[in-house]
PDB file of all heavy atoms in Angstrom:
ATOM      1  N   TRP A   1       0.812  -1.216   0.000  1.00  0.00           N
ATOM      2  CA  TRP A   1       0.000   0.000   0.000  1.00  0.00           C
ATOM      3  C   TRP A   1       0.843   1.262   0.000  1.00  0.00           C
ATOM      4  O   TRP A   1       0.655   2.153  -0.804  1.00  0.00           O
ATOM      5  CB  TRP A   1      -0.889   0.010   1.239  1.00  0.00           C
ATOM      6  CG  TRP A   1      -2.285  -0.440   0.967  1.00  0.00           C
ATOM      7  CD1 TRP A   1      -2.730  -1.183  -0.075  1.00  0.00           C
ATOM      8  CD2 TRP A   1      -3.425  -0.155   1.778  1.00  0.00           C
ATOM      9  NE1 TRP A   1      -4.079  -1.404   0.033  1.00  0.00           N
ATOM     10  CE2 TRP A   1      -4.524  -0.780   1.156  1.00  0.00           C
ATOM     11  CE3 TRP A   1      -3.611   0.548   2.959  1.00  0.00           C
ATOM     12  CZ2 TRP A   1      -5.809  -0.708   1.693  1.00  0.00           C
ATOM     13  CZ3 TRP A   1      -4.884   0.613   3.488  1.00  0.00           C
ATOM     14  CH2 TRP A   1      -5.971  -0.008   2.853  1.00  0.00           C
ATOM     15  N   GLU A   2       1.759   1.345   0.971  1.00  0.00           N
ATOM     16  CA  GLU A   2       2.515   2.584   1.120  1.00  0.00           C
ATOM     17  C   GLU A   2       3.413   2.810  -0.093  1.00  0.00           C
ATOM     18  O   GLU A   2       3.587   3.945  -0.540  1.00  0.00           O
ATOM     19  CB  GLU A   2       3.315   2.560   2.417  1.00  0.00           C
ATOM     20  CG  GLU A   2       2.419   2.574   3.645  1.00  0.00           C
ATOM     21  CD  GLU A   2       3.098   3.196   4.853  1.00  0.00           C
ATOM     22  OE1 GLU A   2       3.905   4.117   4.678  1.00  0.00           O
ATOM     23  OE2 GLU A   2       2.802   2.750   5.963  1.00  0.00           O
ATOM     24  N   LYS A   3       3.968   1.744  -0.633  1.00  0.00           N
ATOM     25  CA  LYS A   3       4.798   1.882  -1.833  1.00  0.00           C
ATOM     26  C   LYS A   3       3.973   2.439  -2.991  1.00  0.00           C
ATOM     27  O   LYS A   3       4.405   3.360  -3.691  1.00  0.00           O
ATOM     28  CB  LYS A   3       5.382   0.521  -2.229  1.00  0.00           C
ATOM     29  CG  LYS A   3       6.245   0.566  -3.482  1.00  0.00           C
ATOM     30  CD  LYS A   3       6.810  -0.808  -3.800  1.00  0.00           C
ATOM     31  CE  LYS A   3       5.732  -1.758  -4.289  1.00  0.00           C
ATOM     32  NZ  LYS A   3       6.287  -3.066  -4.689  1.00  0.00           N
ATOM     33  N   ARG A   4       2.775   1.909  -3.176  1.00  0.00           N
ATOM     34  CA  ARG A   4       1.920   2.380  -4.261  1.00  0.00           C
ATOM     35  C   ARG A   4       1.433   3.807  -4.020  1.00  0.00           C
ATOM     36  O   ARG A   4       1.256   4.579  -4.953  1.00  0.00           O
ATOM     37  CB  ARG A   4       0.749   1.414  -4.463  1.00  0.00           C
ATOM     38  CG  ARG A   4       1.184   0.108  -5.094  1.00  0.00           C
ATOM     39  CD  ARG A   4       0.104  -0.944  -5.065  1.00  0.00           C
ATOM     40  NE  ARG A   4       0.622  -2.178  -5.624  1.00  0.00           N
ATOM     41  CZ  ARG A   4       0.400  -2.608  -6.867  1.00  0.00           C
ATOM     42  NH1 ARG A   4      -0.303  -1.865  -7.692  1.00  0.00           N
ATOM     43  NH2 ARG A   4       0.899  -3.747  -7.286  1.00  0.00           N
ATOM     44  N   ALA A   5       1.203   4.147  -2.751  1.00  0.00           N
ATOM     45  CA  ALA A   5       0.748   5.505  -2.426  1.00  0.00           C
ATOM     46  C   ALA A   5       1.783   6.541  -2.829  1.00  0.00           C
ATOM     47  O   ALA A   5       1.430   7.677  -3.165  1.00  0.00           O
ATOM     48  CB  ALA A   5       0.447   5.607  -0.941  1.00  0.00           C
ATOM     49  N   ARG A   6       3.057   6.171  -2.818  1.00  0.00           N
ATOM     50  CA  ARG A   6       4.113   7.130  -3.157  1.00  0.00           C
ATOM     51  C   ARG A   6       4.149   7.478  -4.642  1.00  0.00           C
ATOM     52  O   ARG A   6       4.846   8.400  -5.048  1.00  0.00           O
ATOM     53  CB  ARG A   6       5.474   6.589  -2.697  1.00  0.00           C
ATOM     54  CG  ARG A   6       5.650   6.595  -1.176  1.00  0.00           C
ATOM     55  CD  ARG A   6       7.099   6.423  -0.779  1.00  0.00           C
ATOM     56  NE  ARG A   6       7.623   5.126  -1.141  1.00  0.00           N
ATOM     57  CZ  ARG A   6       7.556   4.031  -0.373  1.00  0.00           C
ATOM     58  NH1 ARG A   6       6.958   4.095   0.818  1.00  0.00           N
ATOM     59  NH2 ARG A   6       8.083   2.892  -0.761  1.00  0.00           N
ATOM     60  N   ILE A   7       3.365   6.769  -5.449  1.00  0.00           N
ATOM     61  CA  ILE A   7       3.293   7.088  -6.874  1.00  0.00           C
ATOM     62  C   ILE A   7       2.459   8.343  -7.098  1.00  0.00           C
ATOM     63  O   ILE A   7       2.701   9.115  -8.018  1.00  0.00           O
ATOM     64  CB  ILE A   7       2.694   5.898  -7.657  1.00  0.00           C
ATOM     65  CG1 ILE A   7       3.608   4.667  -7.525  1.00  0.00           C
ATOM     66  CG2 ILE A   7       2.476   6.260  -9.123  1.00  0.00           C
ATOM     67  CD1 ILE A   7       2.997   3.406  -8.095  1.00  0.00           C
ATOM     68  N   ALA A   8       1.455   8.565  -6.239  1.00  0.00           N
ATOM     69  CA  ALA A   8       0.570   9.728  -6.381  1.00  0.00           C
ATOM     70  C   ALA A   8       1.324  11.016  -6.067  1.00  0.00           C
ATOM     71  O   ALA A   8       2.347  10.992  -5.368  1.00  0.00           O
ATOM     72  CB  ALA A   8      -0.633   9.566  -5.453  1.00  0.00           C
ATOM     73  N   PRO A   9       0.855  12.148  -6.555  1.00  0.00           N
ATOM     74  CA  PRO A   9       1.588  13.407  -6.370  1.00  0.00           C
ATOM     75  C   PRO A   9       1.918  13.753  -4.928  1.00  0.00           C
ATOM     76  O   PRO A   9       2.996  14.307  -4.663  1.00  0.00           O
ATOM     77  CB  PRO A   9       0.642  14.446  -6.997  1.00  0.00           C
ATOM     78  CG  PRO A   9      -0.046  13.695  -8.079  1.00  0.00           C
ATOM     79  CD  PRO A   9      -0.267  12.321  -7.508  1.00  0.00           C
ATOM     80  N   GLN A  10       1.042  13.453  -3.975  1.00  0.00           N
ATOM     81  CA  GLN A  10       1.339  13.799  -2.588  1.00  0.00           C
ATOM     82  C   GLN A  10       2.273  12.793  -1.911  1.00  0.00           C
ATOM     83  O   GLN A  10       2.735  13.031  -0.801  1.00  0.00           O
ATOM     84  CB  GLN A  10       0.053  13.952  -1.777  1.00  0.00           C
ATOM     85  CG  GLN A  10      -0.673  15.246  -2.064  1.00  0.00           C
ATOM     86  CD  GLN A  10      -1.700  15.593  -0.996  1.00  0.00           C
ATOM     87  OE1 GLN A  10      -2.195  14.742  -0.270  1.00  0.00           O
ATOM     88  NE2 GLN A  10      -2.016  16.867  -0.892  1.00  0.00           N
ATOM     89  N   ARG A  11       2.550  11.677  -2.574  1.00  0.00           N
ATOM     90  CA  ARG A  11       3.569  10.724  -2.121  1.00  0.00           C
ATOM     91  C   ARG A  11       3.283  10.105  -0.747  1.00  0.00           C
ATOM     92  O   ARG A  11       4.194   9.799   0.000  1.00  0.00           O
ATOM     93  CB  ARG A  11       4.964  11.388  -2.060  1.00  0.00           C
ATOM     94  CG  ARG A  11       5.399  12.043  -3.354  1.00  0.00           C
ATOM     95  CD  ARG A  11       5.877  10.989  -4.362  1.00  0.00           C
ATOM     96  NE  ARG A  11       6.401  11.661  -5.538  1.00  0.00           N
ATOM     97  CZ  ARG A  11       5.710  11.856  -6.665  1.00  0.00           C
ATOM     98  NH1 ARG A  11       4.467  11.422  -6.741  1.00  0.00           N
ATOM     99  NH2 ARG A  11       6.250  12.468  -7.696  1.00  0.00           N
ATOM    100  N   ARG A  12       2.011   9.923  -0.392  1.00  0.00           N
ATOM    101  CA  ARG A  12       1.690   9.294   0.889  1.00  0.00           C
ATOM    102  C   ARG A  12       0.277   8.744   0.846  1.00  0.00           C
ATOM    103  O   ARG A  12      -0.557   9.197   0.045  1.00  0.00           O
ATOM    104  CB  ARG A  12       1.790  10.305   2.033  1.00  0.00           C
ATOM    105  CG  ARG A  12       0.735  11.415   2.001  1.00  0.00           C
ATOM    106  CD  ARG A  12       0.748  12.247   3.266  1.00  0.00           C
ATOM    107  NE  ARG A  12      -0.218  13.340   3.253  1.00  0.00           N
ATOM    108  CZ  ARG A  12      -1.492  13.236   3.651  1.00  0.00           C
ATOM    109  NH1 ARG A  12      -1.963  12.054   4.064  1.00  0.00           N
ATOM    110  NH2 ARG A  12      -2.299  14.283   3.626  1.00  0.00           N
ATOM    111  N   PRO A  13      -0.037   7.783   1.697  1.00  0.00           N
ATOM    112  CA  PRO A  13      -1.433   7.358   1.828  1.00  0.00           C
ATOM    113  C   PRO A  13      -2.221   8.371   2.638  1.00  0.00           C
ATOM    114  O   PRO A  13      -1.653   9.178   3.386  1.00  0.00           O
ATOM    115  CB  PRO A  13      -1.318   6.019   2.575  1.00  0.00           C
ATOM    116  CG  PRO A  13      -0.060   6.142   3.362  1.00  0.00           C
ATOM    117  CD  PRO A  13       0.882   6.995   2.546  1.00  0.00           C
ATOM    118  N   GLY A  14      -3.530   8.342   2.499  1.00  0.00           N
ATOM    119  CA  GLY A  14      -4.382   9.187   3.311  1.00  0.00           C
ATOM    120  C   GLY A  14      -4.717   8.519   4.629  1.00  0.00           C
ATOM    121  O   GLY A  14      -4.344   7.369   4.897  1.00  0.00           O
ATOM    122  N   THR A  15      -5.438   9.238   5.461  1.00  0.00           N
ATOM    123  CA  THR A  15      -5.897   8.691   6.729  1.00  0.00           C
ATOM    124  C   THR A  15      -7.416   8.662   6.741  1.00  0.00           C
ATOM    125  O   THR A  15      -8.086   9.437   6.036  1.00  0.00           O
ATOM    126  CB  THR A  15      -5.417   9.534   7.919  1.00  0.00           C
ATOM    127  OG1 THR A  15      -6.072  10.814   7.892  1.00  0.00           O
ATOM    128  CG2 THR A  15      -3.899   9.726   7.873  1.00  0.00           C
ATOM    129  N   ALA A  16      -7.952   7.788   7.569  1.00  0.00           N
ATOM    130  CA  ALA A  16      -9.407   7.705   7.695  1.00  0.00           C
ATOM    131  C   ALA A  16      -9.990   9.020   8.190  1.00  0.00           C
ATOM    132  O   ALA A  16     -11.091   9.418   7.785  1.00  0.00           O
ATOM    133  CB  ALA A  16      -9.771   6.566   8.641  1.00  0.00           C
ATOM    134  N   GLU A  17      -9.262   9.703   9.039  1.00  0.00           N
ATOM    135  CA  GLU A  17      -9.758  10.972   9.586  1.00  0.00           C
ATOM    136  C   GLU A  17      -9.867  12.047   8.506  1.00  0.00           C
ATOM    137  O   GLU A  17     -10.807  12.855   8.516  1.00  0.00           O
ATOM    138  CB  GLU A  17      -8.840  11.443  10.720  1.00  0.00           C
ATOM    139  CG  GLU A  17      -8.943  10.624  11.995  1.00  0.00           C
ATOM    140  CD  GLU A  17      -8.319   9.227  11.869  1.00  0.00           C
ATOM    141  OE1 GLU A  17      -7.423   9.040  11.007  1.00  0.00           O
ATOM    142  OE2 GLU A  17      -8.731   8.322  12.626  1.00  0.00           O
ATOM    143  N   GLU A  18      -8.927  12.060   7.571  1.00  0.00           N
ATOM    144  CA  GLU A  18      -9.008  13.026   6.472  1.00  0.00           C
ATOM    145  C   GLU A  18     -10.251  12.770   5.619  1.00  0.00           C
ATOM    146  O   GLU A  18     -10.935  13.711   5.183  1.00  0.00           O
ATOM    147  CB  GLU A  18      -7.743  12.950   5.613  1.00  0.00           C
ATOM    148  CG  GLU A  18      -6.505  13.528   6.291  1.00  0.00           C
ATOM    149  CD  GLU A  18      -5.240  13.291   5.506  1.00  0.00           C
ATOM    150  OE1 GLU A  18      -5.029  12.175   5.001  1.00  0.00           O
ATOM    151  OE2 GLU A  18      -4.437  14.238   5.399  1.00  0.00           O
ATOM    152  N   VAL A  19     -10.552  11.506   5.388  1.00  0.00           N
ATOM    153  CA  VAL A  19     -11.738  11.171   4.606  1.00  0.00           C
ATOM    154  C   VAL A  19     -13.004  11.514   5.386  1.00  0.00           C
ATOM    155  O   VAL A  19     -13.977  12.049   4.829  1.00  0.00           O
ATOM    156  CB  VAL A  19     -11.722   9.686   4.208  1.00  0.00           C
ATOM    157  CG1 VAL A  19     -12.971   9.336   3.406  1.00  0.00           C
ATOM    158  CG2 VAL A  19     -10.471   9.347   3.403  1.00  0.00           C
ATOM    159  N   ALA A  20     -13.006  11.235   6.683  1.00  0.00           N
ATOM    160  CA  ALA A  20     -14.174  11.537   7.517  1.00  0.00           C
ATOM    161  C   ALA A  20     -14.473  13.030   7.537  1.00  0.00           C
ATOM    162  O   ALA A  20     -15.641  13.442   7.586  1.00  0.00           O
ATOM    163  CB  ALA A  20     -13.953  11.025   8.942  1.00  0.00           C
ATOM    164  N   ASP A  21     -13.444  13.862   7.496  1.00  0.00           N
ATOM    165  CA  ASP A  21     -13.647  15.308   7.428  1.00  0.00           C
ATOM    166  C   ASP A  21     -14.468  15.670   6.186  1.00  0.00           C
ATOM    167  O   ASP A  21     -15.372  16.510   6.233  1.00  0.00           O
ATOM    168  CB  ASP A  21     -12.309  16.044   7.366  1.00  0.00           C
ATOM    169  CG  ASP A  21     -11.586  16.076   8.700  1.00  0.00           C
ATOM    170  OD1 ASP A  21     -12.206  15.735   9.728  1.00  0.00           O
ATOM    171  OD2 ASP A  21     -10.395  16.443   8.723  1.00  0.00           O
ATOM    172  N   LEU A  22     -14.139  15.040   5.064  1.00  0.00           N
ATOM    173  CA  LEU A  22     -14.865  15.312   3.819  1.00  0.00           C
ATOM    174  C   LEU A  22     -16.304  14.816   3.905  1.00  0.00           C
ATOM    175  O   LEU A  22     -17.239  15.504   3.480  1.00  0.00           O
ATOM    176  CB  LEU A  22     -14.142  14.654   2.643  1.00  0.00           C
ATOM    177  CG  LEU A  22     -14.828  14.762   1.281  1.00  0.00           C
ATOM    178  CD1 LEU A  22     -15.040  16.219   0.880  1.00  0.00           C
ATOM    179  CD2 LEU A  22     -14.019  14.014   0.222  1.00  0.00           C
ATOM    180  N   VAL A  23     -16.498  13.626   4.462  1.00  0.00           N
ATOM    181  CA  VAL A  23     -17.855  13.086   4.612  1.00  0.00           C
ATOM    182  C   VAL A  23     -18.711  14.023   5.444  1.00  0.00           C
ATOM    183  O   VAL A  23     -19.854  14.354   5.078  1.00  0.00           O
ATOM    184  CB  VAL A  23     -17.822  11.684   5.251  1.00  0.00           C
ATOM    185  CG1 VAL A  23     -19.246  11.188   5.525  1.00  0.00           C
ATOM    186  CG2 VAL A  23     -17.082  10.692   4.363  1.00  0.00           C
ATOM    187  N   ALA A  24     -18.170  14.472   6.572  1.00  0.00           N
ATOM    188  CA  ALA A  24     -18.930  15.364   7.451  1.00  0.00           C
ATOM    189  C   ALA A  24     -19.276  16.675   6.749  1.00  0.00           C
ATOM    190  O   ALA A  24     -20.380  17.207   6.906  1.00  0.00           O
ATOM    191  CB  ALA A  24     -18.148  15.629   8.731  1.00  0.00           C
TER     192      ALA A  24
END
């Protein structure tokens, strides 16, 4: 997962809390 996440421009995986902020 983390290796693949580094391919994206931000170079990291997200967190559940970041996604929850958007849902709320």
